[in-house]
Amino acid sequence: MEIPVYLFTGFLEAGKTRFIQDTLAEQALAPEGSILLLVCEEGIEEYDPSAFCAPNVYCELIENEHDLTPAHLTALQKKHNAVLVMIEYNGMWKLNSLYDNLPDAWFIFQELFLCDARTIELYNKNMRSLVVDKLTSCELVAFNRMEADTDRMPLHKLVRGVSRSAKIIYDMTDGTIEYDTIEDPLPFDINAEIIRIEDRDYAYWYRDLAEEPEKYAKKKVRFKGVVLKDHTIPRGSFICGRHVMTCCADDIQYSGIACKWKDSENLHSYDWVTVTGQLVIERHKVYDGPGPVLKVSTLVPAEPPEKQLATFD
């Protein structure tokens, strides 16, 4: 039997406990079975089981990160015969500690990142890597304790610097909920005859391509990148991309796409080139499945950009 997991992330006093408490007070999420609530962080607020909509919620505390093992999590689920799991995650633990240890039958059904609108920018300044860790995979970001006169743009940019797909809501201090309506125009014209990606925009383009590759299918694009070749890449192909930094030096990685070009044998790794071609979505050896492939029509040698590391600045 598959076990759906509702995952609530955020830092201490972000409002996770209240959000989960309110959810369980309003909805009977598992009317025909038990709910296992795993609490990985104890804050000022405590759960009040008497306020839950149903009496089938069982709370277990996980105090240490090393207790996140498949065996331990499975044992807790079986102990209460739970058909659904809710997790209040510790904001100081990386999410891979959980992802890498989920029991085989468990799957993340929904992931929410809860923030205190008054303090999240300070967390982002001092613990950027942990903020990025929580934003990368969440489906919804909820900013709690929002005053009517709070400037929303910095909060919006904080999210969009990592995720273009996460929905954003504001939980106002007057008890109302407001949805983020700030538009995010891309820094390039996706409807141009040739989509020209400036050096400063490569990180934004690559992320958008990774999230919505289908909208680039059959589009012509031009960008500057550094060549990567090795024995695993088939003849007639190479990879072109940039090193991208999302938040800090620890997460720098080469982010490129497969390219097909008849003269690729003349290229060498670390060559800087400007490529123009048509993007298609198809299977290629460099991907596990279908992915974006650039059918190169024009390739010219290029000078490295002034700022070789692509960022979201």
Foldseek 3Di string as FASTA:
>chain_A
DAAEEEEEEEEAPLCPQVVVLVVQLVDPPCPPFAEEEEEADDHPDDHDCVSGNDNRYDYDYDPDLVCLAQVNVVVSCVVSVGRYYYYYHHLVDQCCSNVVHHHPRYDHPAYEYGGALVCVVVCCVVPVVSLLSRLQPHQEYEHEADEPPDDCVVVVCSNVLRDPRHWYWYQYPVRDIGGDDDDDDQPWDLPDQETEADPQRQVVVLVVCVVCVPSQAFHKYKDKFFWDDDPQADPQKTWTFAFEDSRDPVPTDTRTAIEGHNPCVPDDGGFIKMFIFGWHWADGSVDPGTHIYGHTPDIDGDDQDPDRYHYSD
